[in-house]
Protein backbone atom coordinates (compact mmCIF):
# COMPACT_ATOMS: atom_id res chain seq x y z
CA MET A 1 24.69 33.46 -88.65
CA SER A 2 21.37 32.40 -89.58
CA SER A 3 18.50 31.38 -87.19
CA LEU A 4 18.42 27.81 -85.83
CA PRO A 5 16.56 25.37 -87.79
CA SER A 6 13.87 23.00 -86.58
CA PHE A 7 14.76 19.90 -84.67
CA ARG A 8 13.62 17.69 -82.14
CA LEU A 9 14.93 18.09 -78.42
CA MET A 10 15.13 14.87 -76.42
CA HIS A 11 15.80 14.80 -72.47
CA PRO A 12 17.46 11.63 -71.14
CA THR A 13 18.01 11.36 -67.27
CA SER A 14 20.77 8.88 -67.31
CA ALA A 15 23.89 8.21 -69.61
CA SER A 16 22.55 4.68 -70.64
CA GLY A 17 19.42 6.46 -71.48
CA ALA A 18 21.24 9.04 -73.45
CA VAL A 19 23.09 6.07 -75.51
CA VAL A 20 19.68 4.31 -76.30
CA MET A 21 18.54 7.61 -77.78
CA LEU A 22 21.75 7.99 -79.90
CA CYS A 23 21.33 4.61 -81.20
CA GLU A 24 17.79 5.17 -81.98
CA ASN A 25 18.56 8.68 -83.72
CA PRO A 26 21.96 8.04 -85.36
CA ALA A 27 22.02 11.43 -87.03
CA SER A 28 21.38 13.17 -83.57
CA ARG A 29 23.87 15.14 -81.65
CA PHE A 30 24.55 15.68 -77.77
CA ILE A 31 24.08 19.11 -76.44
CA ALA A 32 25.28 20.16 -73.00
CA GLY A 33 26.66 23.79 -73.00
CA GLY A 34 26.10 24.23 -76.64
CA THR A 35 28.77 26.93 -76.89
CA ASP A 36 30.29 25.26 -79.95
CA LEU A 37 27.60 23.35 -81.38
CA LEU A 38 24.95 25.87 -81.52
CA PRO A 39 27.00 28.44 -83.64
CA ASN A 40 27.96 25.58 -85.81
CA ILE A 41 24.38 24.62 -86.40
CA ARG A 42 23.51 28.50 -87.12
CA ARG A 43 26.51 28.62 -89.58
CA GLY A 44 24.96 25.63 -91.47
CA LEU A 45 27.97 23.31 -90.61
CA LEU A 46 25.68 20.86 -88.93
CA ALA A 47 21.89 20.27 -89.42
CA PRO A 48 21.07 17.38 -86.70
CA PRO A 49 17.18 16.54 -86.71
CA VAL A 50 17.50 15.55 -83.11
CA LEU A 51 19.64 17.00 -80.21
CA ILE A 52 19.84 15.04 -77.10
CA ASP A 53 19.92 17.25 -74.20
CA LEU A 54 22.22 16.17 -71.43
CA GLY A 55 21.26 18.83 -68.89
CA SER A 56 19.06 16.25 -66.78
CA VAL A 57 21.89 13.64 -66.58
CA ASP A 58 23.14 14.20 -63.01
CA GLU A 59 25.68 11.47 -62.95
CA LEU A 60 27.65 13.42 -65.77
CA ARG A 61 28.06 16.55 -63.45
CA GLU A 62 29.71 14.35 -60.64
CA PHE A 63 33.38 14.72 -59.74
CA SER A 64 35.62 13.64 -56.96
CA VAL A 65 39.29 14.31 -56.00
CA ASP A 66 41.43 12.45 -53.59
CA ALA A 67 45.10 11.84 -52.72
CA ASN A 68 45.59 9.38 -55.66
CA ARG A 69 43.31 10.35 -58.42
CA ALA A 70 40.49 12.73 -59.80
CA ARG A 71 37.34 11.88 -61.68
CA PHE A 72 35.25 14.31 -63.40
CA GLY A 73 32.02 13.58 -65.25
CA ALA A 74 31.89 15.02 -68.80
CA GLY A 75 29.27 17.49 -67.86
CA VAL A 76 31.16 19.40 -65.18
CA THR A 77 31.34 22.82 -66.21
CA LEU A 78 34.69 24.61 -66.95
CA ALA A 79 33.87 27.06 -64.39
CA SER A 80 33.54 24.52 -61.63
CA LEU A 81 36.87 23.22 -62.68
CA ALA A 82 38.74 26.51 -62.94
CA ALA A 83 37.44 27.60 -59.36
CA ASP A 84 37.60 24.19 -57.31
CA PRO A 85 40.49 24.26 -54.79
CA ARG A 86 41.16 20.63 -55.17
CA VAL A 87 41.83 20.97 -58.84
CA LEU A 88 43.89 24.13 -58.31
CA GLN A 89 46.06 22.52 -55.70
CA SER A 90 46.53 18.92 -57.25
CA LEU A 91 45.88 19.58 -61.07
CA PRO A 92 46.82 23.23 -61.78
CA ALA A 93 47.32 22.70 -65.56
CA LEU A 94 43.69 21.46 -65.75
CA ALA A 95 42.35 24.57 -63.96
CA GLN A 96 44.38 26.92 -65.87
CA ALA A 97 43.17 25.35 -69.13
CA ALA A 98 39.63 25.58 -68.05
CA LEU A 99 40.14 29.11 -67.06
CA ALA A 100 41.62 29.91 -70.44
CA VAL A 101 38.68 28.66 -72.62
CA ALA A 102 36.53 31.66 -74.03
CA GLY A 103 34.79 34.16 -71.58
CA PRO A 104 33.44 33.79 -68.05
CA THR A 105 29.93 33.56 -69.40
CA HIS A 106 30.57 30.59 -71.70
CA ARG A 107 32.46 28.86 -68.96
CA THR A 108 29.28 28.69 -66.80
CA VAL A 109 27.71 26.35 -69.33
CA ALA A 110 30.55 25.05 -71.19
CA THR A 111 31.55 21.34 -70.12
CA LEU A 112 34.73 19.33 -69.89
CA GLY A 113 33.20 16.58 -72.28
CA GLY A 114 32.21 19.55 -74.85
CA ASN A 115 35.65 21.01 -74.75
CA LEU A 116 37.53 17.67 -75.31
CA CYS A 117 34.87 16.75 -78.07
CA LEU A 118 35.48 20.15 -79.69
CA ASP A 119 34.99 20.17 -83.52
CA THR A 120 38.10 20.88 -85.38
CA ARG A 121 38.34 24.36 -86.65
CA CYS A 122 39.79 26.41 -89.90
CA GLN A 123 39.24 29.73 -91.47
CA TYR A 124 37.92 28.16 -94.56
CA TYR A 125 35.33 26.00 -92.45
CA ASN A 126 34.04 27.99 -89.77
CA GLN A 127 32.33 30.62 -91.91
CA SER A 128 28.57 31.30 -93.26
CA GLU A 129 26.98 29.32 -95.84
CA ALA A 130 27.24 32.15 -98.45
CA TRP A 131 30.77 32.49 -97.59
CA ARG A 132 31.75 28.85 -98.12
CA GLU A 133 29.70 28.64 -101.30
CA GLY A 134 31.33 31.68 -102.77
CA ASN A 135 34.63 30.04 -101.99
CA GLU A 136 33.78 26.80 -103.26
CA TYR A 137 33.60 25.01 -100.06
CA CYS A 138 36.10 22.58 -98.57
CA MET A 139 36.76 19.20 -97.90
CA LYS A 140 35.29 19.18 -94.50
CA CYS A 141 31.77 20.44 -95.71
CA ALA A 142 30.40 19.69 -99.12
CA GLY A 143 33.82 20.21 -100.91
CA ASP A 144 36.40 17.85 -102.13
CA THR A 145 39.72 20.03 -101.48
CA CYS A 146 41.44 21.20 -98.37
CA ARG A 147 41.50 24.95 -98.80
CA ALA A 148 44.33 25.25 -96.18
CA ALA A 149 46.47 22.59 -98.03
CA PRO A 150 45.11 22.15 -101.51
CA LYS A 151 47.62 19.53 -102.48
CA SER A 152 46.86 17.24 -99.85
CA ALA A 153 44.50 14.19 -99.62
CA ARG A 154 43.12 15.04 -96.05
CA CYS A 155 41.53 17.72 -93.99
CA PHE A 156 44.05 19.87 -91.91
CA ALA A 157 41.51 21.68 -89.84
CA ALA A 158 43.08 22.15 -86.27
CA PHE A 159 41.98 20.89 -83.04
CA SER A 160 41.77 24.12 -81.02
CA GLY A 161 40.49 22.80 -77.32
CA ASP A 162 42.44 24.13 -74.19
CA VAL A 163 41.62 21.17 -71.77
CA ALA A 164 42.77 18.14 -73.99
CA PRO A 165 46.72 19.19 -73.87
CA ALA A 166 46.34 19.53 -70.06
CA LEU A 167 44.82 16.13 -69.54
CA LEU A 168 47.33 14.72 -72.14
CA ALA A 169 50.36 16.08 -70.08
CA LEU A 170 48.62 14.92 -66.96
CA ASP A 171 48.29 11.33 -68.33
CA ALA A 172 44.61 10.97 -68.18
CA THR A 173 42.23 8.35 -69.16
CA VAL A 174 38.67 8.91 -70.86
CA GLU A 175 35.52 6.83 -70.21
CA LEU A 176 33.28 5.84 -73.16
CA LEU A 177 29.87 4.46 -72.80
CA GLY A 178 28.13 2.55 -75.78
CA PRO A 179 25.79 -0.10 -76.14
CA GLN A 180 28.33 -2.73 -75.27
CA GLY A 181 29.09 -0.96 -72.00
CA LEU A 182 31.85 1.07 -70.72
CA ARG A 183 35.43 1.24 -72.24
CA ARG A 184 38.57 3.32 -70.99
CA LEU A 185 41.14 4.71 -73.33
CA PRO A 186 44.23 6.71 -72.59
CA ILE A 187 43.52 10.28 -73.66
CA ARG A 188 46.50 10.04 -76.21
CA ASP A 189 44.29 7.48 -78.18
CA PHE A 190 41.20 9.50 -78.03
CA TYR A 191 42.27 11.71 -80.88
CA CYS A 192 42.85 11.16 -84.55
CA ASP A 193 45.40 13.08 -86.98
CA ASP A 194 42.56 13.88 -89.36
CA GLY A 195 40.61 17.27 -89.44
CA MET A 196 37.36 15.51 -90.73
CA VAL A 197 37.39 12.74 -87.92
CA SER A 198 39.16 13.89 -85.07
CA LEU A 199 38.02 11.56 -82.36
CA ALA A 200 38.19 7.78 -81.79
CA LEU A 201 34.54 7.83 -80.68
CA ALA A 202 32.17 5.23 -82.17
CA THR A 203 29.10 6.67 -83.74
CA ASP A 204 27.03 4.90 -80.90
CA GLU A 205 29.25 6.07 -77.96
CA MET A 206 29.29 8.96 -75.59
CA LEU A 207 32.10 10.31 -73.37
CA VAL A 208 31.06 9.93 -69.76
CA ALA A 209 34.00 10.77 -67.66
CA VAL A 210 37.69 11.56 -67.45
CA GLU A 211 39.94 10.17 -64.89
CA VAL A 212 43.17 11.84 -63.63
CA PRO A 213 46.02 10.26 -61.59
CA ILE A 214 47.53 12.57 -58.86
CA SER A 215 51.22 11.65 -58.10
CA ASP A 216 53.45 13.36 -55.48
CA GLY A 217 56.38 15.55 -56.76
CA TRP A 218 54.53 16.70 -60.10
CA SER A 219 53.65 20.03 -60.90
CA SER A 220 51.80 21.22 -64.02
CA ALA A 221 50.81 24.53 -65.95
CA TYR A 222 49.05 25.55 -69.24
CA ASP A 223 49.31 28.82 -71.26
CA LYS A 224 48.34 29.72 -74.85
CA VAL A 225 48.83 32.50 -77.36
CA ARG A 226 45.86 34.07 -78.82
CA VAL A 227 44.94 37.33 -80.55
CA ARG A 228 42.88 38.69 -77.52
CA GLY A 229 43.20 38.07 -73.86
CA ALA A 230 39.63 36.21 -73.68
CA ILE A 231 37.17 34.70 -75.90
CA ASP A 232 39.69 33.58 -78.72
CA PHE A 233 40.98 29.98 -79.35
CA PRO A 234 44.46 29.40 -79.04
CA LEU A 235 46.71 29.83 -81.96
CA ALA A 236 49.20 27.72 -80.18
CA GLY A 237 48.75 26.11 -76.42
CA ILE A 238 51.02 24.26 -74.30
CA ALA A 239 50.52 22.32 -71.13
CA ILE A 240 53.49 20.88 -69.02
CA ALA A 241 53.60 18.42 -66.31
CA LEU A 242 57.27 17.99 -64.75
CA ARG A 243 58.72 16.30 -61.59
CA ARG A 244 61.92 17.88 -60.04
CA ASP A 245 64.50 16.17 -57.89
CA GLY A 246 66.72 18.78 -56.43
CA GLU A 247 68.41 20.23 -59.62
CA VAL A 248 67.51 17.26 -61.70
CA LEU A 249 64.60 16.99 -64.14
CA SER A 250 62.95 13.41 -63.15
CA GLY A 251 59.84 13.43 -65.23
CA LEU A 252 58.64 15.61 -68.12
CA ARG A 253 55.44 15.82 -70.49
CA ILE A 254 54.64 18.51 -72.83
CA ALA A 255 51.33 18.63 -75.02
CA CYS A 256 50.45 21.16 -77.82
CA THR A 257 47.12 22.35 -79.14
CA GLY A 258 46.09 24.52 -81.77
CA VAL A 259 48.82 23.47 -84.13
CA SER A 260 47.61 20.18 -85.73
CA SER A 261 44.61 18.23 -86.28
CA ARG A 262 44.82 16.62 -82.83
CA PRO A 263 46.60 17.64 -79.43
CA GLU A 264 50.07 16.39 -79.78
CA LEU A 265 52.50 14.84 -77.13
CA ALA A 266 55.93 15.64 -77.66
CA ASP A 267 58.37 12.75 -77.78
CA SER A 268 61.85 12.13 -77.25
CA LEU A 269 61.88 14.02 -73.89
CA ASP A 270 63.64 11.14 -72.30
CA GLU A 271 66.79 12.57 -73.43
CA VAL A 272 66.73 15.26 -70.89
CA ILE A 273 65.35 13.21 -68.06
CA GLY A 274 67.89 12.77 -65.25
CA LYS A 275 69.80 15.94 -66.32
CA ARG A 276 69.95 19.70 -65.09
CA LEU A 277 67.56 21.89 -66.83
CA ASP A 278 70.24 24.11 -68.39
CA ASP A 279 70.28 25.82 -71.95
CA ALA A 280 71.41 22.80 -73.56
CA ALA A 281 68.40 20.65 -72.15
CA PHE A 282 66.10 23.90 -72.95
CA THR A 283 67.41 23.65 -76.59
CA MET A 284 66.56 19.83 -76.70
CA ILE A 285 63.30 20.36 -75.41
CA GLU A 286 62.38 23.01 -77.83
CA LYS A 287 63.47 20.67 -80.56
CA CYS A 288 61.11 18.10 -79.41
CA VAL A 289 58.17 20.60 -79.30
CA ARG A 290 59.11 21.84 -82.80
CA ARG A 291 58.60 18.54 -84.34
CA CYS A 292 55.31 18.09 -83.18
CA VAL A 293 54.23 21.42 -84.62
CA GLN A 294 52.31 21.22 -87.88
CA PRO A 295 50.32 24.33 -88.26
CA MET A 296 48.49 25.02 -91.71
CA GLU A 297 46.88 28.05 -93.05
CA THR A 298 43.76 27.24 -90.61
CA THR A 299 43.71 30.80 -89.11
CA VAL A 300 44.20 34.40 -90.06
CA VAL A 301 47.52 34.52 -88.42
CA SER A 302 50.73 33.11 -90.39
CA VAL A 303 51.87 29.74 -90.17
CA PRO A 304 55.72 30.61 -89.55
CA TYR A 305 54.46 32.70 -86.57
CA ARG A 306 52.51 29.78 -85.11
CA ARG A 307 55.43 27.45 -85.85
CA ARG A 308 57.95 29.77 -84.21
CA VAL A 309 56.01 30.62 -81.08
CA THR A 310 54.98 27.43 -79.95
CA PRO A 311 58.47 26.09 -78.73
CA VAL A 312 58.99 29.65 -77.27
CA LEU A 313 55.93 29.41 -75.39
CA ALA A 314 56.90 25.85 -74.26
CA ARG A 315 60.37 27.23 -72.91
CA ARG A 316 58.75 30.26 -71.00
CA LEU A 317 56.24 28.10 -69.55
CA LEU A 318 58.90 25.47 -68.48
CA GLN A 319 61.10 28.08 -66.94
CA ARG A 320 58.29 29.50 -65.14
CA LEU A 321 57.15 26.10 -63.87
CA TRP A 322 60.62 24.89 -62.91
CA GLU A 323 61.64 28.37 -60.90
CA SER A 324 58.43 27.99 -58.98
CA GLU A 325 59.35 24.69 -57.48
């Protein structure tokens, strides 16, 4: 990596002030923990002339948890989420996903909003300038071809955040602040299936908070496959939320990450609702998960492996969660 280029650093003290600065400096970027942004700048992937430091915006670090819902500011650190007893008890998938991100030192500064707005990744993109130039660049930066899918008209860089699938499974809502005020969006609508433009976030908006409903009878969990036991992004990640009524499955949501350009929520799971979780149900669930897995050659690990391991991971996590009830 090269050294950081020169940039202007601005320090808002409120979310609305940060939005004003963003509107006045359209090429600027927000920075909180910087664990993803700064390495990308040093690789030459981004060159914002202005960085808007959110460290002094106290409202972004507020969060509350009660019997019916939780609300987390976008500036809450992942370490705080992973360790909070209320999150561990009411939203275990969120705590487990936060704990799965990178390493301990990263999590002390990395934020919820940063992980949700993580840039998509690809082995042809997340490289040095010299490497990318030697390989004729790619569609995501200075080129016109997706190296992971050369015949495609779009970029297939993969979304590799851990927290988003957990919040998808938990049916969360994001809060976005712009010049026109606050708008709320189901998190399933926050992501786009495009490696180049993966967020449904206007250029003059910022993510300020996430709200998660808490309902009796639901349990949840998150797990992922990665090369090393820490630091690494998911090759495939699974989040599950389920509700068990005796021996019958009465509610189920499964979300995937690392295997397409956005976190995906498995569909057609209604077919197993109201039934016993037997081998036939597990087979049906694996098929549903397999349908939302679309890995491309975005990592050094083979596509067939990631396609095969994702439904297996889902089955194992579901079994573990079911048996713990």
